[in-house]
Amino acid sequence: MSSIGTWIVILILAAVIALVVWKLVKDKRNGKSSCGCNCGCCPNSQLCHSKTETKSK
């Protein structure tokens, strides 16, 4: 019974992590970027956007 507090904290943390992952996947499917910055000066812009998207920007 003394570890019930630990299990409650673990369950709460697991739920928060699951919600964060779910939100990231949902945003990725909707085409939203997680950085929100200007892609023109980002060295990783080729990783985030396809070549057709970067040409149109």
Protein backbone atom coordinates (compact mmCIF):
# COMPACT_ATOMS: atom_id res chain seq x y z
CA MET A 1 0.00 0.00 0.00
CA SER A 2 2.89 2.38 0.49
CA SER A 3 3.69 2.35 -3.24
CA ILE A 4 0.22 3.44 -4.36
CA GLY A 5 1.39 7.05 -4.45
CA THR A 6 4.24 6.08 -6.73
CA TRP A 7 1.86 4.27 -9.09
CA ILE A 8 -0.46 7.28 -9.21
CA VAL A 9 2.43 9.56 -10.15
CA ILE A 10 3.63 7.08 -12.80
CA LEU A 11 0.13 6.88 -14.31
CA ILE A 12 -0.21 10.67 -14.39
CA LEU A 13 3.20 11.06 -16.05
CA ALA A 14 2.39 8.34 -18.59
CA ALA A 15 -0.89 10.10 -19.43
CA VAL A 16 0.88 13.44 -19.92
CA ILE A 17 3.53 11.87 -22.15
CA ALA A 18 0.85 10.07 -24.18
CA LEU A 19 -1.04 13.35 -24.68
CA VAL A 20 2.11 15.16 -25.81
CA VAL A 21 2.97 12.41 -28.30
CA TRP A 22 -0.64 12.36 -29.56
CA LYS A 23 -0.57 16.14 -30.08
CA LEU A 24 2.76 15.98 -31.97
CA VAL A 25 1.48 13.22 -34.25
CA LYS A 26 -1.78 15.10 -34.86
CA ASP A 27 0.09 18.31 -35.72
CA LYS A 28 2.49 16.43 -38.01
CA ARG A 29 -0.46 14.87 -39.89
CA ASN A 30 -2.03 18.31 -40.30
CA GLY A 31 1.22 19.74 -41.69
CA LYS A 32 1.97 21.99 -38.74
CA SER A 33 5.57 22.68 -37.82
CA SER A 34 6.75 22.40 -34.25
CA CYS A 35 9.35 25.19 -34.45
CA GLY A 36 7.26 28.10 -35.76
CA CYS A 37 10.31 29.96 -37.05
CA ASN A 38 11.39 31.28 -40.43
CA CYS A 39 12.44 28.28 -42.53
CA GLY A 40 14.59 30.40 -44.84
CA CYS A 41 17.40 30.67 -42.31
CA CYS A 42 17.01 27.20 -40.79
CA PRO A 43 19.75 24.68 -41.64
CA ASN A 44 17.25 21.82 -41.24
CA SER A 45 14.56 23.23 -43.53
CA GLN A 46 15.17 20.45 -46.08
CA LEU A 47 14.28 17.89 -43.40
CA CYS A 48 10.97 19.52 -42.51
CA HIS A 49 9.59 20.31 -45.95
CA SER A 50 9.54 18.51 -49.26
CA LYS A 51 11.30 20.07 -52.25
CA THR A 52 8.01 21.23 -53.79
CA GLU A 53 7.07 23.10 -50.62
CA THR A 54 10.43 24.86 -50.27
CA LYS A 55 10.42 25.96 -53.91
CA SER A 56 7.05 27.65 -53.52
CA LYS A 57 8.14 29.63 -50.45
